[in-house]
Amino acid sequence: MDQLTICKTCSKEVAKSASTCPHCGAKLKMSVFQKVLIVIGVFFAINLILILLNLVVSTRYFSNKSTSTTTSEPANEIPRVPAQPSK
């Protein structure tokens, strides 16, 4: 009985050495090649996300630096005109 395992799909007993369930046809084992491909895919996905985040952050940083103004008044205020002395 220690040579058997339970199929996760149909819950029937299957030999541990089987790669597919003889009852329902579900895959029981993932090959080493498939596991390596999953690890490589996750690695590349994480790196792609980090690269894109880096581009977004650096683009915002440099665009904010280049558009900064050196005026003494804020851009959204109307400049004040000095009042004329009354006669």
Foldseek 3Di string as FASTA:
>chain_A
DVQWDADPPPRDIDGPPDQARPPPGHGDDDDPVNVVVVVVVVVVVVVVVVVVVVVVVVVVVVVVVVPDDDDPDDPPDDDDDDDDDDD
